[in-house]
């Protein structure tokens, strides 16, 4: 009785402590599945770099690269591949895992039976998503460095910029995933969302080749903001626009964070 009373009167850990506990839950799960992520982390982006950067790039370079700012095509494409990887990592980890944590393995539901509050549960998951984005991005930055594609000391900011981009996609997707009753709409998200952005956000060719109307739309794409930021950092030519582009991504991530937190709290407090 005394030990039970002492346990009941023990102080509740702080918010950070509880969020880390939720984060550790996802780490334990990842220990069993990390091998399946090697493709998305290393080989997928590496093959894109080889086929598009060096394969297609060999043809582009023969015809001049003035439209690319005078840099080899592989140098132009590599930051875009990094940006795309950050986007897909953020979206993938905020779509099916969040949906599954409610409807499949019910990790969110089980965690709510402990002292963890909804905010702690979501922050812990978001910490894990940020870790996955950072891991995947770091792998590709190392590959870029190994191939000699990094041209400036500004590249030290590549990793935090890539994580920012990934979070800017992850939090709105998480806010949306919480509302779903079936997984079918997620196919539309990737088919009509991430794939068009991947193809038409200045990834494989400069914005100047688009018609003006389409270019105006593309310029507001979150992925385009990330591509420009990462490309400028690789080339060592960050412009004043970098500030508002980063602010755009921060605003998107914060808005998604607030909305997802509110929706998860509403779901778990019922």
Protein backbone atom coordinates (compact mmCIF):
# COMPACT_ATOMS: atom_id res chain seq x y z
CA UNK A 1 0.00 0.00 0.00
CA UNK A 2 2.83 2.36 0.88
CA UNK A 3 4.63 1.75 -2.41
CA UNK A 4 1.40 2.23 -4.39
CA UNK A 5 0.73 5.50 -2.58
CA UNK A 6 4.27 6.70 -3.22
CA UNK A 7 3.89 5.85 -6.90
CA UNK A 8 0.61 7.76 -7.10
CA UNK A 9 2.18 10.81 -5.46
CA UNK A 10 5.33 10.76 -7.59
CA UNK A 11 5.80 13.91 -9.67
CA UNK A 12 4.74 13.68 -13.30
CA UNK A 13 7.75 13.95 -15.66
CA UNK A 14 8.09 17.11 -17.69
CA UNK A 15 6.83 17.57 -21.22
CA UNK A 16 10.24 17.01 -22.81
CA UNK A 17 10.78 13.82 -20.81
CA UNK A 18 7.41 12.42 -21.89
CA UNK A 19 7.97 13.36 -25.53
CA UNK A 20 11.30 11.54 -25.48
CA UNK A 21 9.55 8.46 -24.10
CA UNK A 22 7.13 8.52 -27.04
CA UNK A 23 10.11 9.02 -29.37
CA UNK A 24 11.84 5.96 -27.92
CA UNK A 25 8.77 3.87 -28.72
CA UNK A 26 9.23 4.64 -32.41
CA UNK A 27 12.95 3.89 -32.15
CA UNK A 28 12.17 0.43 -30.77
CA UNK A 29 9.82 -0.18 -33.69
CA UNK A 30 12.40 1.06 -36.18
CA UNK A 31 14.99 -1.39 -34.86
CA UNK A 32 12.95 -4.12 -36.54
CA UNK A 33 12.29 -2.35 -39.83
CA UNK A 34 15.39 -0.28 -40.59
CA UNK A 35 16.68 -2.74 -43.21
CA UNK A 36 13.64 -2.12 -45.39
CA UNK A 37 14.41 1.62 -45.42
CA UNK A 38 17.86 1.26 -46.98
CA UNK A 39 16.39 1.65 -50.47
CA UNK A 40 14.70 4.96 -49.71
CA UNK A 41 17.65 6.17 -47.66
CA UNK A 42 20.56 5.34 -49.95
CA UNK A 43 20.01 3.36 -53.14
CA UNK A 44 16.94 5.09 -54.54
CA UNK A 45 18.43 8.61 -54.51
CA UNK A 46 21.79 7.23 -55.63
CA UNK A 47 20.24 5.62 -58.71
CA UNK A 48 18.34 8.82 -59.50
CA UNK A 49 21.59 10.74 -59.29
CA UNK A 50 23.32 8.24 -61.57
CA UNK A 51 20.57 7.97 -64.19
CA UNK A 52 19.49 11.61 -64.33
CA UNK A 53 22.59 13.46 -63.19
CA UNK A 54 25.21 11.48 -65.06
CA UNK A 55 23.16 9.60 -67.66
CA UNK A 56 20.86 12.35 -68.95
CA UNK A 57 23.41 14.92 -67.79
CA UNK A 58 26.00 13.69 -70.28
CA UNK A 59 23.62 14.65 -73.10
CA UNK A 60 22.66 17.98 -71.57
CA UNK A 61 26.25 19.03 -70.95
CA UNK A 62 27.17 18.40 -74.61
CA UNK A 63 24.67 21.04 -75.68
CA UNK A 64 25.70 23.70 -73.18
CA UNK A 65 24.58 24.52 -69.67
CA UNK A 66 24.05 28.26 -69.89
CA UNK A 67 20.40 27.84 -68.83
CA UNK A 68 21.62 26.02 -65.74
CA UNK A 69 23.91 28.81 -64.65
CA UNK A 70 26.92 27.25 -66.34
CA UNK A 71 27.20 24.32 -63.91
CA UNK A 72 27.25 20.64 -64.95
CA UNK A 73 23.81 19.07 -65.06
CA UNK A 74 24.61 16.64 -62.23
CA UNK A 75 25.45 19.57 -59.94
CA UNK A 76 22.14 21.18 -60.92
CA UNK A 77 20.13 17.99 -60.25
CA UNK A 78 21.79 16.71 -57.06
CA UNK A 79 20.28 19.33 -54.67
CA UNK A 80 16.86 18.70 -56.22
CA UNK A 81 17.19 14.98 -55.55
CA UNK A 82 18.08 15.81 -51.94
CA UNK A 83 15.02 18.08 -51.68
CA UNK A 84 12.76 15.42 -53.18
CA UNK A 85 14.11 12.83 -50.77
CA UNK A 86 13.39 15.14 -47.83
CA UNK A 87 9.84 15.71 -49.08
CA UNK A 88 9.06 12.04 -49.63
CA UNK A 89 10.61 10.99 -46.32
CA UNK A 90 8.51 13.53 -44.45
CA UNK A 91 5.32 12.63 -46.30
CA UNK A 92 5.83 8.86 -46.11
CA UNK A 93 6.48 8.92 -42.37
CA UNK A 94 3.53 11.22 -41.68
CA UNK A 95 0.98 9.42 -43.84
CA UNK A 96 0.75 5.66 -43.34
CA UNK A 97 2.51 5.55 -39.93
CA UNK A 98 0.17 8.18 -38.45
CA UNK A 99 -2.87 6.45 -39.95
CA UNK A 100 -1.57 3.09 -38.70
CA UNK A 101 -0.91 4.44 -35.21
CA UNK A 102 -4.66 5.05 -34.98
CA UNK A 103 -6.22 2.23 -37.01
CA UNK A 104 -3.68 -0.61 -37.40
CA UNK A 105 -1.09 -1.08 -34.65
CA UNK A 106 -2.90 1.59 -32.57
CA UNK A 107 0.32 2.93 -31.02
CA UNK A 108 -1.35 6.28 -30.33
CA UNK A 109 -4.25 4.57 -28.57
CA UNK A 110 -1.96 2.39 -26.46
CA UNK A 111 0.25 5.35 -25.54
CA UNK A 112 -2.79 7.27 -24.37
CA UNK A 113 -3.37 4.58 -21.74
CA UNK A 114 -0.12 5.70 -20.08
CA UNK A 115 0.77 9.05 -18.56
CA UNK A 116 1.56 10.40 -22.02
CA UNK A 117 -0.67 13.23 -23.15
CA UNK A 118 -1.75 13.64 -26.80
CA UNK A 119 0.77 16.45 -27.28
CA UNK A 120 3.57 14.24 -25.92
CA UNK A 121 2.56 11.40 -28.22
CA UNK A 122 2.56 13.61 -31.29
CA UNK A 123 5.78 15.44 -30.42
CA UNK A 124 7.53 12.11 -29.86
CA UNK A 125 6.41 10.87 -33.26
CA UNK A 126 7.45 14.14 -34.89
CA UNK A 127 10.91 13.82 -33.32
CA UNK A 128 11.22 10.40 -34.93
CA UNK A 129 10.07 11.75 -38.30
CA UNK A 130 12.67 14.53 -38.04
CA UNK A 131 15.31 11.90 -37.25
CA UNK A 132 14.36 9.87 -40.32
CA UNK A 133 14.53 12.97 -42.52
CA UNK A 134 17.94 13.86 -41.06
CA UNK A 135 19.28 10.32 -41.51
CA UNK A 136 18.18 10.04 -45.13
CA UNK A 137 19.39 13.55 -45.96
CA UNK A 138 22.76 12.97 -44.28
CA UNK A 139 23.29 9.82 -46.34
CA UNK A 140 22.71 11.70 -49.57
CA UNK A 141 24.84 14.68 -48.53
CA UNK A 142 27.71 12.25 -47.94
CA UNK A 143 27.12 10.78 -51.42
CA UNK A 144 27.16 14.28 -52.93
CA UNK A 145 30.41 15.06 -51.17
CA UNK A 146 31.95 11.77 -52.29
CA UNK A 147 31.12 12.58 -55.94
CA UNK A 148 32.54 16.09 -55.61
CA UNK A 149 29.19 17.79 -56.17
CA UNK A 150 29.41 20.22 -53.25
CA UNK A 151 30.94 23.49 -54.38
CA UNK A 152 30.77 25.74 -51.33
CA UNK A 153 31.20 25.86 -47.56
CA UNK A 154 27.56 26.97 -47.44
CA UNK A 155 26.82 23.27 -47.80
CA UNK A 156 27.16 22.91 -44.02
CA UNK A 157 23.58 24.22 -43.91
CA UNK A 158 22.28 21.52 -46.27
CA UNK A 159 21.22 19.14 -43.51
CA UNK A 160 19.17 21.59 -41.40
CA UNK A 161 17.62 23.02 -44.58
CA UNK A 162 16.64 19.53 -45.75
CA UNK A 163 15.11 18.72 -42.35
CA UNK A 164 13.15 21.98 -42.44
CA UNK A 165 11.79 21.08 -45.87
CA UNK A 166 10.81 17.58 -44.77
CA UNK A 167 9.01 18.86 -41.66
CA UNK A 168 7.17 21.45 -43.76
CA UNK A 169 5.59 18.53 -45.61
CA UNK A 170 5.28 16.12 -42.69
CA UNK A 171 3.15 18.18 -40.32
CA UNK A 172 0.36 19.11 -42.78
CA UNK A 173 0.25 15.51 -44.03
CA UNK A 174 0.00 14.26 -40.43
CA UNK A 175 -2.85 16.70 -39.78
CA UNK A 176 -4.65 15.28 -42.81
CA UNK A 177 -3.88 11.60 -42.08
CA UNK A 178 -5.52 11.84 -38.66
CA UNK A 179 -8.87 12.62 -40.28
CA UNK A 180 -8.92 9.60 -42.62
CA UNK A 181 -11.12 6.56 -42.10
CA UNK A 182 -9.53 4.49 -44.89
CA UNK A 183 -6.10 4.55 -46.50
CA UNK A 184 -7.38 4.98 -50.09
CA UNK A 185 -7.08 8.81 -50.16
CA UNK A 186 -3.36 8.50 -49.44
CA UNK A 187 -2.87 7.09 -52.93
CA UNK A 188 -4.27 10.34 -54.32
CA UNK A 189 -1.92 12.37 -52.14
CA UNK A 190 1.15 10.76 -53.63
CA UNK A 191 -0.20 10.34 -57.16
CA UNK A 192 -1.55 13.86 -57.58
CA UNK A 193 0.57 15.65 -54.97
CA UNK A 194 4.14 14.51 -54.50
CA UNK A 195 4.71 13.08 -57.99
CA UNK A 196 3.69 16.27 -59.90
CA UNK A 197 5.72 18.38 -57.48
CA UNK A 198 8.69 16.08 -58.01
CA UNK A 199 8.46 16.46 -61.78
CA UNK A 200 7.57 20.14 -62.05
CA UNK A 201 9.31 22.00 -59.21
CA UNK A 202 12.52 22.96 -60.95
CA UNK A 203 14.04 19.59 -60.22
CA UNK A 204 15.20 18.53 -63.68
CA UNK A 205 15.11 21.83 -65.58
CA UNK A 206 15.09 25.51 -64.65
CA UNK A 207 11.93 27.51 -64.10
CA UNK A 208 12.70 29.62 -67.17
CA UNK A 209 11.55 26.84 -69.52
CA UNK A 210 7.97 26.95 -68.22
CA UNK A 211 5.24 29.14 -69.69
CA UNK A 212 4.74 32.18 -67.45
CA UNK A 213 1.37 31.05 -66.08
CA UNK A 214 2.71 27.64 -65.06
CA UNK A 215 5.93 29.15 -63.72
CA UNK A 216 3.93 31.44 -61.43
CA UNK A 217 2.15 28.40 -59.97
CA UNK A 218 5.31 26.32 -59.63
CA UNK A 219 7.10 29.15 -57.86
CA UNK A 220 4.73 28.77 -54.90
CA UNK A 221 5.31 25.05 -54.56
CA UNK A 222 6.89 24.14 -51.19
CA UNK A 223 9.21 21.73 -52.96
CA UNK A 224 10.38 24.48 -55.31
CA UNK A 225 11.32 26.63 -52.32
CA UNK A 226 13.37 23.77 -50.92
CA UNK A 227 15.02 23.03 -54.26
CA UNK A 228 16.12 26.65 -54.67
CA UNK A 229 17.43 26.86 -51.10
CA UNK A 230 19.45 23.64 -51.35
CA UNK A 231 20.73 24.47 -54.83
CA UNK A 232 21.91 27.90 -53.70
CA UNK A 233 23.69 26.36 -50.71
CA UNK A 234 25.46 23.78 -52.88
CA UNK A 235 26.60 26.42 -55.36
CA UNK A 236 27.52 28.93 -52.68
CA UNK A 237 25.20 31.59 -54.05
CA UNK A 238 22.46 32.16 -51.44
CA UNK A 239 20.32 35.14 -52.37
CA UNK A 240 18.26 37.41 -50.09
CA UNK A 241 15.24 35.38 -51.25
CA UNK A 242 16.52 32.52 -49.10
CA UNK A 243 15.10 34.24 -45.99
CA UNK A 244 11.53 34.43 -47.20
CA UNK A 245 11.73 30.98 -48.77
CA UNK A 246 12.80 29.54 -45.40
CA UNK A 247 10.08 31.58 -43.68
CA UNK A 248 7.54 30.08 -46.09
CA UNK A 249 8.58 26.54 -45.09
CA UNK A 250 8.66 27.43 -41.38
CA UNK A 251 5.16 28.87 -41.58
CA UNK A 252 3.88 25.79 -43.37
CA UNK A 253 5.48 23.47 -40.83
CA UNK A 254 4.22 25.44 -37.81
CA UNK A 255 0.67 25.63 -39.21
CA UNK A 256 0.68 21.88 -39.84
CA UNK A 257 2.10 21.24 -36.38
CA UNK A 258 -0.65 23.24 -34.68
CA UNK A 259 -3.42 21.69 -36.76
CA UNK A 260 -2.15 18.13 -36.35
CA UNK A 261 -1.68 18.59 -32.60
CA UNK A 262 -5.23 19.86 -32.20
CA UNK A 263 -6.72 17.05 -34.27
CA UNK A 264 -4.76 14.33 -32.49
CA UNK A 265 -5.75 15.77 -29.12
CA UNK A 266 -9.40 15.83 -30.18
CA UNK A 267 -9.17 12.21 -31.27
CA UNK A 268 -7.35 10.86 -28.22
CA UNK A 269 -9.29 12.83 -25.62
CA UNK A 270 -12.66 11.47 -26.72
